[in-house]
Amino acid sequence: MKVGVKSTALRFGDSTKEWTTGFGIACISSLALSGYNADIGWPYYAFLAAASGQLAWQIWTVNLTCRADCNRKFVSNKWFGALIFSGILFGRVFS
């Protein structure tokens, strides 16, 4: 802050988890709408539910004051992506 660096972490402050939850809801909602518009099969939604749970776990369990924990949660985003990709793959097979 002293040197003029701006970041969302500074802007959101104590309400970071609330903002992140809102962004997560928007992300999952958009993915669900995209799946509906693409007429993708039911497995997509099962994987989307799993991805939602993984995202919720990240948000609820992260310790924002611990850099190492934040990094561990950030690295676990690969599982979110893998779940979405798997949902698309299996959803197309069963559509």
PDB file of N, CA and C in Angstrom:
ATOM      1  N   MET A   1       0.824  -1.189   0.000  1.00  0.00           N
ATOM      2  CA  MET A   1       0.000   0.000   0.000  1.00  0.00           C
ATOM      3  C   MET A   1       0.868   1.253   0.000  1.00  0.00           C
ATOM      4  N   LYS A   2       1.972   1.193   0.700  1.00  0.00           N
ATOM      5  CA  LYS A   2       2.821   2.368   0.827  1.00  0.00           C
ATOM      6  C   LYS A   2       3.378   2.834  -0.507  1.00  0.00           C
ATOM      7  N   VAL A   3       3.635   1.881  -1.413  1.00  0.00           N
ATOM      8  CA  VAL A   3       4.232   2.243  -2.694  1.00  0.00           C
ATOM      9  C   VAL A   3       3.194   2.318  -3.814  1.00  0.00           C
ATOM     10  N   GLY A   4       1.923   2.207  -3.474  1.00  0.00           N
ATOM     11  CA  GLY A   4       0.862   2.361  -4.462  1.00  0.00           C
ATOM     12  C   GLY A   4       0.448   1.088  -5.172  1.00  0.00           C
ATOM     13  N   VAL A   5       0.878  -0.067  -4.667  1.00  0.00           N
ATOM     14  CA  VAL A   5       0.468  -1.333  -5.270  1.00  0.00           C
ATOM     15  C   VAL A   5      -0.994  -1.577  -4.914  1.00  0.00           C
ATOM     16  N   LYS A   6      -1.777  -1.944  -5.926  1.00  0.00           N
ATOM     17  CA  LYS A   6      -3.193  -2.218  -5.703  1.00  0.00           C
ATOM     18  C   LYS A   6      -3.438  -3.704  -5.882  1.00  0.00           C
ATOM     19  N   SER A   7      -4.347  -4.246  -5.089  1.00  0.00           N
ATOM     20  CA  SER A   7      -4.696  -5.656  -5.231  1.00  0.00           C
ATOM     21  C   SER A   7      -6.114  -5.868  -4.743  1.00  0.00           C
ATOM     22  N   THR A   8      -6.707  -6.942  -5.228  1.00  0.00           N
ATOM     23  CA  THR A   8      -8.053  -7.261  -4.770  1.00  0.00           C
ATOM     24  C   THR A   8      -8.040  -7.689  -3.308  1.00  0.00           C
ATOM     25  N   ALA A   9      -6.953  -8.311  -2.868  1.00  0.00           N
ATOM     26  CA  ALA A   9      -6.858  -8.713  -1.461  1.00  0.00           C
ATOM     27  C   ALA A   9      -6.943  -7.496  -0.549  1.00  0.00           C
ATOM     28  N   LEU A  10      -6.286  -6.432  -0.931  1.00  0.00           N
ATOM     29  CA  LEU A  10      -6.368  -5.210  -0.133  1.00  0.00           C
ATOM     30  C   LEU A  10      -7.758  -4.590  -0.228  1.00  0.00           C
ATOM     31  N   ARG A  11      -8.337  -4.609  -1.407  1.00  0.00           N
ATOM     32  CA  ARG A  11      -9.651  -3.997  -1.610  1.00  0.00           C
ATOM     33  C   ARG A  11     -10.748  -4.752  -0.858  1.00  0.00           C
ATOM     34  N   PHE A  12     -10.723  -6.084  -0.910  1.00  0.00           N
ATOM     35  CA  PHE A  12     -11.764  -6.872  -0.270  1.00  0.00           C
ATOM     36  C   PHE A  12     -11.593  -6.943   1.240  1.00  0.00           C
ATOM     37  N   GLY A  13     -10.368  -6.912   1.713  1.00  0.00           N
ATOM     38  CA  GLY A  13     -10.089  -6.892   3.147  1.00  0.00           C
ATOM     39  C   GLY A  13     -10.740  -8.038   3.900  1.00  0.00           C
ATOM     40  N   ASP A  14     -11.500  -7.696   4.931  1.00  0.00           N
ATOM     41  CA  ASP A  14     -12.125  -8.697   5.793  1.00  0.00           C
ATOM     42  C   ASP A  14     -13.270  -9.446   5.114  1.00  0.00           C
ATOM     43  N   SER A  15     -13.737  -8.965   3.990  1.00  0.00           N
ATOM     44  CA  SER A  15     -14.845  -9.635   3.301  1.00  0.00           C
ATOM     45  C   SER A  15     -14.365 -10.456   2.096  1.00  0.00           C
ATOM     46  N   THR A  16     -13.105 -10.859   2.103  1.00  0.00           N
ATOM     47  CA  THR A  16     -12.541 -11.619   0.989  1.00  0.00           C
ATOM     48  C   THR A  16     -13.295 -12.919   0.746  1.00  0.00           C
ATOM     49  N   LYS A  17     -13.616 -13.657   1.805  1.00  0.00           N
ATOM     50  CA  LYS A  17     -14.311 -14.931   1.623  1.00  0.00           C
ATOM     51  C   LYS A  17     -15.711 -14.725   1.053  1.00  0.00           C
ATOM     52  N   GLU A  18     -16.382 -13.662   1.460  1.00  0.00           N
ATOM     53  CA  GLU A  18     -17.720 -13.376   0.922  1.00  0.00           C
ATOM     54  C   GLU A  18     -17.643 -13.062  -0.577  1.00  0.00           C
ATOM     55  N   TRP A  19     -16.673 -12.253  -0.962  1.00  0.00           N
ATOM     56  CA  TRP A  19     -16.492 -11.922  -2.378  1.00  0.00           C
ATOM     57  C   TRP A  19     -16.132 -13.180  -3.180  1.00  0.00           C
ATOM     58  N   THR A  20     -15.218 -13.980  -2.642  1.00  0.00           N
ATOM     59  CA  THR A  20     -14.809 -15.198  -3.326  1.00  0.00           C
ATOM     60  C   THR A  20     -15.982 -16.159  -3.465  1.00  0.00           C
ATOM     61  N   THR A  21     -16.822 -16.240  -2.447  1.00  0.00           N
ATOM     62  CA  THR A  21     -18.024 -17.070  -2.525  1.00  0.00           C
ATOM     63  C   THR A  21     -18.937 -16.582  -3.638  1.00  0.00           C
ATOM     64  N   GLY A  22     -19.119 -15.281  -3.737  1.00  0.00           N
ATOM     65  CA  GLY A  22     -19.942 -14.710  -4.806  1.00  0.00           C
ATOM     66  C   GLY A  22     -19.388 -15.025  -6.183  1.00  0.00           C
ATOM     67  N   PHE A  23     -18.073 -14.899  -6.338  1.00  0.00           N
ATOM     68  CA  PHE A  23     -17.447 -15.233  -7.616  1.00  0.00           C
ATOM     69  C   PHE A  23     -17.600 -16.728  -7.930  1.00  0.00           C
ATOM     70  N   GLY A  24     -17.495 -17.559  -6.905  1.00  0.00           N
ATOM     71  CA  GLY A  24     -17.670 -19.000  -7.094  1.00  0.00           C
ATOM     72  C   GLY A  24     -19.087 -19.344  -7.533  1.00  0.00           C
ATOM     73  N   ILE A  25     -20.074 -18.706  -6.909  1.00  0.00           N
ATOM     74  CA  ILE A  25     -21.469 -18.928  -7.298  1.00  0.00           C
ATOM     75  C   ILE A  25     -21.688 -18.489  -8.739  1.00  0.00           C
ATOM     76  N   ALA A  26     -21.131 -17.353  -9.107  1.00  0.00           N
ATOM     77  CA  ALA A  26     -21.262 -16.877 -10.494  1.00  0.00           C
ATOM     78  C   ALA A  26     -20.602 -17.853 -11.465  1.00  0.00           C
ATOM     79  N   CYS A  27     -19.457 -18.384 -11.099  1.00  0.00           N
ATOM     80  CA  CYS A  27     -18.731 -19.338 -11.952  1.00  0.00           C
ATOM     81  C   CYS A  27     -19.547 -20.612 -12.146  1.00  0.00           C
ATOM     82  N   ILE A  28     -20.012 -21.199 -11.057  1.00  0.00           N
ATOM     83  CA  ILE A  28     -20.770 -22.450 -11.136  1.00  0.00           C
ATOM     84  C   ILE A  28     -22.085 -22.236 -11.892  1.00  0.00           C
ATOM     85  N   SER A  29     -22.746 -21.115 -11.641  1.00  0.00           N
ATOM     86  CA  SER A  29     -23.997 -20.813 -12.343  1.00  0.00           C
ATOM     87  C   SER A  29     -23.757 -20.680 -13.842  1.00  0.00           C
ATOM     88  N   SER A  30     -22.691 -20.006 -14.208  1.00  0.00           N
ATOM     89  CA  SER A  30     -22.359 -19.841 -15.627  1.00  0.00           C
ATOM     90  C   SER A  30     -22.026 -21.180 -16.279  1.00  0.00           C
ATOM     91  N   LEU A  31     -21.302 -22.029 -15.563  1.00  0.00           N
ATOM     92  CA  LEU A  31     -20.984 -23.348 -16.095  1.00  0.00           C
ATOM     93  C   LEU A  31     -22.245 -24.202 -16.249  1.00  0.00           C
ATOM     94  N   ALA A  32     -23.173 -24.096 -15.294  1.00  0.00           N
ATOM     95  CA  ALA A  32     -24.427 -24.845 -15.392  1.00  0.00           C
ATOM     96  C   ALA A  32     -25.246 -24.359 -16.586  1.00  0.00           C
ATOM     97  N   LEU A  33     -25.325 -23.057 -16.763  1.00  0.00           N
ATOM     98  CA  LEU A  33     -26.056 -22.501 -17.905  1.00  0.00           C
ATOM     99  C   LEU A  33     -25.407 -22.905 -19.220  1.00  0.00           C
ATOM    100  N   SER A  34     -24.094 -22.907 -19.255  1.00  0.00           N
ATOM    101  CA  SER A  34     -23.382 -23.329 -20.466  1.00  0.00           C
ATOM    102  C   SER A  34     -23.663 -24.788 -20.789  1.00  0.00           C
ATOM    103  N   GLY A  35     -23.678 -25.622 -19.761  1.00  0.00           N
ATOM    104  CA  GLY A  35     -23.993 -27.036 -19.972  1.00  0.00           C
ATOM    105  C   GLY A  35     -25.406 -27.225 -20.483  1.00  0.00           C
ATOM    106  N   TYR A  36     -26.333 -26.458 -19.947  1.00  0.00           N
ATOM    107  CA  TYR A  36     -27.721 -26.519 -20.403  1.00  0.00           C
ATOM    108  C   TYR A  36     -27.829 -26.085 -21.861  1.00  0.00           C
ATOM    109  N   ASN A  37     -27.193 -24.981 -22.203  1.00  0.00           N
ATOM    110  CA  ASN A  37     -27.242 -24.468 -23.579  1.00  0.00           C
ATOM    111  C   ASN A  37     -26.555 -25.401 -24.575  1.00  0.00           C
ATOM    112  N   ALA A  38     -25.560 -26.149 -24.106  1.00  0.00           N
ATOM    113  CA  ALA A  38     -24.848 -27.083 -24.978  1.00  0.00           C
ATOM    114  C   ALA A  38     -25.552 -28.438 -25.037  1.00  0.00           C
ATOM    115  N   ASP A  39     -26.654 -28.579 -24.280  1.00  0.00           N
ATOM    116  CA  ASP A  39     -27.414 -29.825 -24.232  1.00  0.00           C
ATOM    117  C   ASP A  39     -26.506 -30.998 -23.878  1.00  0.00           C
ATOM    118  N   ILE A  40     -25.704 -30.790 -22.832  1.00  0.00           N
ATOM    119  CA  ILE A  40     -24.736 -31.791 -22.404  1.00  0.00           C
ATOM    120  C   ILE A  40     -25.431 -32.782 -21.462  1.00  0.00           C
ATOM    121  N   GLY A  41     -24.921 -33.987 -21.381  1.00  0.00           N
ATOM    122  CA  GLY A  41     -25.549 -35.052 -20.602  1.00  0.00           C
ATOM    123  C   GLY A  41     -25.442 -34.880 -19.092  1.00  0.00           C
ATOM    124  N   TRP A  42     -26.184 -35.721 -18.387  1.00  0.00           N
ATOM    125  CA  TRP A  42     -26.283 -35.643 -16.936  1.00  0.00           C
ATOM    126  C   TRP A  42     -24.956 -35.786 -16.192  1.00  0.00           C
ATOM    127  N   PRO A  43     -23.962 -36.554 -16.686  1.00  0.00           N
ATOM    128  CA  PRO A  43     -22.715 -36.648 -15.926  1.00  0.00           C
ATOM    129  C   PRO A  43     -22.035 -35.293 -15.716  1.00  0.00           C
ATOM    130  N   TYR A  44     -22.249 -34.384 -16.650  1.00  0.00           N
ATOM    131  CA  TYR A  44     -21.654 -33.049 -16.508  1.00  0.00           C
ATOM    132  C   TYR A  44     -22.096 -32.412 -15.198  1.00  0.00           C
ATOM    133  N   TYR A  45     -23.373 -32.547 -14.878  1.00  0.00           N
ATOM    134  CA  TYR A  45     -23.906 -31.910 -13.676  1.00  0.00           C
ATOM    135  C   TYR A  45     -23.432 -32.607 -12.403  1.00  0.00           C
ATOM    136  N   ALA A  46     -23.197 -33.901 -12.476  1.00  0.00           N
ATOM    137  CA  ALA A  46     -22.629 -34.611 -11.328  1.00  0.00           C
ATOM    138  C   ALA A  46     -21.206 -34.123 -11.056  1.00  0.00           C
ATOM    139  N   PHE A  47     -20.429 -33.985 -12.123  1.00  0.00           N
ATOM    140  CA  PHE A  47     -19.070 -33.473 -11.960  1.00  0.00           C
ATOM    141  C   PHE A  47     -19.080 -32.009 -11.547  1.00  0.00           C
ATOM    142  N   LEU A  48     -20.054 -31.248 -12.025  1.00  0.00           N
ATOM    143  CA  LEU A  48     -20.184 -29.841 -11.632  1.00  0.00           C
ATOM    144  C   LEU A  48     -20.503 -29.737 -10.140  1.00  0.00           C
ATOM    145  N   ALA A  49     -21.332 -30.636  -9.637  1.00  0.00           N
ATOM    146  CA  ALA A  49     -21.628 -30.659  -8.203  1.00  0.00           C
ATOM    147  C   ALA A  49     -20.371 -30.971  -7.399  1.00  0.00           C
ATOM    148  N   ALA A  50     -19.579 -31.916  -7.883  1.00  0.00           N
ATOM    149  CA  ALA A  50     -18.315 -32.242  -7.207  1.00  0.00           C
ATOM    150  C   ALA A  50     -17.365 -31.050  -7.233  1.00  0.00           C
ATOM    151  N   ALA A  51     -17.292 -30.370  -8.365  1.00  0.00           N
ATOM    152  CA  ALA A  51     -16.436 -29.183  -8.475  1.00  0.00           C
ATOM    153  C   ALA A  51     -16.925 -28.079  -7.542  1.00  0.00           C
ATOM    154  N   SER A  52     -18.237 -27.951  -7.399  1.00  0.00           N
ATOM    155  CA  SER A  52     -18.801 -26.962  -6.476  1.00  0.00           C
ATOM    156  C   SER A  52     -18.380 -27.265  -5.045  1.00  0.00           C
ATOM    157  N   GLY A  53     -18.427 -28.539  -4.697  1.00  0.00           N
ATOM    158  CA  GLY A  53     -17.992 -28.943  -3.356  1.00  0.00           C
ATOM    159  C   GLY A  53     -16.517 -28.669  -3.131  1.00  0.00           C
ATOM    160  N   GLN A  54     -15.717 -28.933  -4.134  1.00  0.00           N
ATOM    161  CA  GLN A  54     -14.280 -28.683  -4.015  1.00  0.00           C
ATOM    162  C   GLN A  54     -14.009 -27.192  -3.847  1.00  0.00           C
ATOM    163  N   LEU A  55     -14.720 -26.382  -4.608  1.00  0.00           N
ATOM    164  CA  LEU A  55     -14.564 -24.933  -4.516  1.00  0.00           C
ATOM    165  C   LEU A  55     -15.029 -24.420  -3.155  1.00  0.00           C
ATOM    166  N   ALA A  56     -16.150 -24.938  -2.678  1.00  0.00           N
ATOM    167  CA  ALA A  56     -16.653 -24.544  -1.355  1.00  0.00           C
ATOM    168  C   ALA A  56     -15.649 -24.932  -0.265  1.00  0.00           C
ATOM    169  N   TRP A  57     -15.082 -26.135  -0.376  1.00  0.00           N
ATOM    170  CA  TRP A  57     -14.081 -26.575   0.593  1.00  0.00           C
ATOM    171  C   TRP A  57     -12.899 -25.610   0.616  1.00  0.00           C
ATOM    172  N   GLN A  58     -12.434 -25.206  -0.576  1.00  0.00           N
ATOM    173  CA  GLN A  58     -11.314 -24.268  -0.647  1.00  0.00           C
ATOM    174  C   GLN A  58     -11.634 -22.972   0.091  1.00  0.00           C
ATOM    175  N   ILE A  59     -12.792 -22.420  -0.203  1.00  0.00           N
ATOM    176  CA  ILE A  59     -13.152 -21.120   0.367  1.00  0.00           C
ATOM    177  C   ILE A  59     -13.344 -21.216   1.876  1.00  0.00           C
ATOM    178  N   TRP A  60     -14.051 -22.240   2.335  1.00  0.00           N
ATOM    179  CA  TRP A  60     -14.371 -22.342   3.752  1.00  0.00           C
ATOM    180  C   TRP A  60     -13.173 -22.690   4.611  1.00  0.00           C
ATOM    181  N   THR A  61     -12.199 -23.429   4.051  1.00  0.00           N
ATOM    182  CA  THR A  61     -11.096 -23.898   4.891  1.00  0.00           C
ATOM    183  C   THR A  61      -9.818 -23.075   4.768  1.00  0.00           C
ATOM    184  N   VAL A  62      -9.747 -22.164   3.815  1.00  0.00           N
ATOM    185  CA  VAL A  62      -8.511 -21.413   3.636  1.00  0.00           C
ATOM    186  C   VAL A  62      -8.272 -20.469   4.817  1.00  0.00           C
ATOM    187  N   ASN A  63      -7.024 -20.433   5.249  1.00  0.00           N
ATOM    188  CA  ASN A  63      -6.602 -19.485   6.276  1.00  0.00           C
ATOM    189  C   ASN A  63      -5.930 -18.328   5.541  1.00  0.00           C
ATOM    190  N   LEU A  64      -6.649 -17.234   5.405  1.00  0.00           N
ATOM    191  CA  LEU A  64      -6.155 -16.111   4.607  1.00  0.00           C
ATOM    192  C   LEU A  64      -4.938 -15.411   5.210  1.00  0.00           C
ATOM    193  N   THR A  65      -4.634 -15.700   6.448  1.00  0.00           N
ATOM    194  CA  THR A  65      -3.462 -15.091   7.069  1.00  0.00           C
ATOM    195  C   THR A  65      -2.214 -15.963   6.939  1.00  0.00           C
ATOM    196  N   CYS A  66      -2.372 -17.146   6.351  1.00  0.00           N
ATOM    197  CA  CYS A  66      -1.249 -18.074   6.199  1.00  0.00           C
ATOM    198  C   CYS A  66      -0.926 -18.233   4.715  1.00  0.00           C
ATOM    199  N   ARG A  67       0.210 -17.725   4.315  1.00  0.00           N
ATOM    200  CA  ARG A  67       0.620 -17.777   2.911  1.00  0.00           C
ATOM    201  C   ARG A  67       0.714 -19.215   2.409  1.00  0.00           C
ATOM    202  N   ALA A  68       1.237 -20.117   3.226  1.00  0.00           N
ATOM    203  CA  ALA A  68       1.399 -21.515   2.807  1.00  0.00           C
ATOM    204  C   ALA A  68       0.041 -22.169   2.560  1.00  0.00           C
ATOM    205  N   ASP A  69      -0.931 -21.897   3.433  1.00  0.00           N
ATOM    206  CA  ASP A  69      -2.259 -22.479   3.244  1.00  0.00           C
ATOM    207  C   ASP A  69      -2.930 -21.909   1.997  1.00  0.00           C
ATOM    208  N   CYS A  70      -2.802 -20.629   1.775  1.00  0.00           N
ATOM    209  CA  CYS A  70      -3.349 -20.014   0.560  1.00  0.00           C
ATOM    210  C   CYS A  70      -2.740 -20.652  -0.674  1.00  0.00           C
ATOM    211  N   ASN A  71      -1.443 -20.908  -0.637  1.00  0.00           N
ATOM    212  CA  ASN A  71      -0.770 -21.525  -1.775  1.00  0.00           C
ATOM    213  C   ASN A  71      -1.268 -22.954  -1.993  1.00  0.00           C
ATOM    214  N   ARG A  72      -1.444 -23.715  -0.905  1.00  0.00           N
ATOM    215  CA  ARG A  72      -1.950 -25.080  -1.032  1.00  0.00           C
ATOM    216  C   ARG A  72      -3.342 -25.082  -1.665  1.00  0.00           C
ATOM    217  N   LYS A  73      -4.187 -24.168  -1.243  1.00  0.00           N
ATOM    218  CA  LYS A  73      -5.539 -24.100  -1.802  1.00  0.00           C
ATOM    219  C   LYS A  73      -5.494 -23.667  -3.269  1.00  0.00           C
ATOM    220  N   PHE A  74      -4.604 -22.760  -3.597  1.00  0.00           N
ATOM    221  CA  PHE A  74      -4.468 -22.303  -4.988  1.00  0.00           C
ATOM    222  C   PHE A  74      -4.018 -23.454  -5.888  1.00  0.00           C
ATOM    223  N   VAL A  75      -3.065 -24.233  -5.413  1.00  0.00           N
ATOM    224  CA  VAL A  75      -2.557 -25.363  -6.189  1.00  0.00           C
ATOM    225  C   VAL A  75      -3.650 -26.413  -6.382  1.00  0.00           C
ATOM    226  N   SER A  76      -4.582 -26.522  -5.427  1.00  0.00           N
ATOM    227  CA  SER A  76      -5.653 -27.514  -5.554  1.00  0.00           C
ATOM    228  C   SER A  76      -6.689 -27.115  -6.605  1.00  0.00           C
ATOM    229  N   ASN A  77      -6.552 -25.946  -7.212  1.00  0.00           N
ATOM    230  CA  ASN A  77      -7.456 -25.545  -8.296  1.00  0.00           C
ATOM    231  C   ASN A  77      -7.347 -26.467  -9.494  1.00  0.00           C
ATOM    232  N   LYS A  78      -6.229 -27.183  -9.605  1.00  0.00           N
ATOM    233  CA  LYS A  78      -6.094 -28.130 -10.714  1.00  0.00           C
ATOM    234  C   LYS A  78      -7.191 -29.190 -10.630  1.00  0.00           C
ATOM    235  N   TRP A  79      -7.631 -29.540  -9.419  1.00  0.00           N
ATOM    236  CA  TRP A  79      -8.690 -30.535  -9.269  1.00  0.00           C
ATOM    237  C   TRP A  79     -10.037 -29.971  -9.701  1.00  0.00           C
ATOM    238  N   PHE A  80     -10.249 -28.689  -9.468  1.00  0.00           N
ATOM    239  CA  PHE A  80     -11.470 -28.038  -9.947  1.00  0.00           C
ATOM    240  C   PHE A  80     -11.518 -28.134 -11.477  1.00  0.00           C
ATOM    241  N   GLY A  81     -10.432 -27.783 -12.119  1.00  0.00           N
ATOM    242  CA  GLY A  81     -10.358 -27.855 -13.572  1.00  0.00           C
ATOM    243  C   GLY A  81     -10.511 -29.273 -14.086  1.00  0.00           C
ATOM    244  N   ALA A  82      -9.904 -30.229 -13.395  1.00  0.00           N
ATOM    245  CA  ALA A  82     -10.006 -31.630 -13.809  1.00  0.00           C
ATOM    246  C   ALA A  82     -11.443 -32.130 -13.698  1.00  0.00           C
ATOM    247  N   LEU A  83     -12.140 -31.710 -12.671  1.00  0.00           N
ATOM    248  CA  LEU A  83     -13.545 -32.113 -12.514  1.00  0.00           C
ATOM    249  C   LEU A  83     -14.415 -31.529 -13.621  1.00  0.00           C
ATOM    250  N   ILE A  84     -14.207 -30.268 -13.942  1.00  0.00           N
ATOM    251  CA  ILE A  84     -14.984 -29.632 -15.008  1.00  0.00           C
ATOM    252  C   ILE A  84     -14.676 -30.304 -16.349  1.00  0.00           C
ATOM    253  N   PHE A  85     -13.407 -30.534 -16.625  1.00  0.00           N
ATOM    254  CA  PHE A  85     -13.019 -31.194 -17.872  1.00  0.00           C
ATOM    255  C   PHE A  85     -13.639 -32.592 -17.963  1.00  0.00           C
ATOM    256  N   SER A  86     -13.574 -33.349 -16.873  1.00  0.00           N
ATOM    257  CA  SER A  86     -14.153 -34.693 -16.863  1.00  0.00           C
ATOM    258  C   SER A  86     -15.658 -34.632 -17.085  1.00  0.00           C
ATOM    259  N   GLY A  87     -16.307 -33.643 -16.488  1.00  0.00           N
ATOM    260  CA  GLY A  87     -17.740 -33.481 -16.689  1.00  0.00           C
ATOM    261  C   GLY A  87     -18.088 -33.215 -18.139  1.00  0.00           C
ATOM    262  N   ILE A  88     -17.306 -32.380 -18.790  1.00  0.00           N
ATOM    263  CA  ILE A  88     -17.535 -32.104 -20.201  1.00  0.00           C
ATOM    264  C   ILE A  88     -17.324 -33.371 -21.025  1.00  0.00           C
ATOM    265  N   LEU A  89     -16.245 -34.074 -20.739  1.00  0.00           N
ATOM    266  CA  LEU A  89     -15.918 -35.287 -21.487  1.00  0.00           C
ATOM    267  C   LEU A  89     -17.014 -36.334 -21.333  1.00  0.00           C
ATOM    268  N   PHE A  90     -17.365 -36.681 -20.097  1.00  0.00           N
ATOM    269  CA  PHE A  90     -18.379 -37.712 -19.868  1.00  0.00           C
ATOM    270  C   PHE A  90     -19.784 -37.218 -20.222  1.00  0.00           C
ATOM    271  N   GLY A  91     -20.014 -35.920 -20.050  1.00  0.00           N
ATOM    272  CA  GLY A  91     -21.305 -35.354 -20.419  1.00  0.00           C
ATOM    273  C   GLY A  91     -21.571 -35.459 -21.904  1.00  0.00           C
ATOM    274  N   ARG A  92     -20.530 -35.280 -22.698  1.00  0.00           N
ATOM    275  CA  ARG A  92     -20.691 -35.398 -24.155  1.00  0.00           C
ATOM    276  C   ARG A  92     -20.901 -36.845 -24.566  1.00  0.00           C
ATOM    277  N   VAL A  93     -20.261 -37.767 -23.864  1.00  0.00           N
ATOM    278  CA  VAL A  93     -20.402 -39.177 -24.177  1.00  0.00           C
ATOM    279  C   VAL A  93     -21.849 -39.632 -23.923  1.00  0.00           C
ATOM    280  N   PHE A  94     -22.457 -39.142 -22.839  1.00  0.00           N
ATOM    281  CA  PHE A  94     -23.796 -39.566 -22.452  1.00  0.00           C
ATOM    282  C   PHE A  94     -24.897 -38.616 -22.915  1.00  0.00           C
ATOM    283  N   SER A  95     -24.602 -37.714 -23.834  1.00  0.00           N
ATOM    284  CA  SER A  95     -25.648 -36.786 -24.296  1.00  0.00           C
ATOM    285  C   SER A  95     -26.367 -37.312 -25.527  1.00  0.00           C
TER     286      SER A  95
END
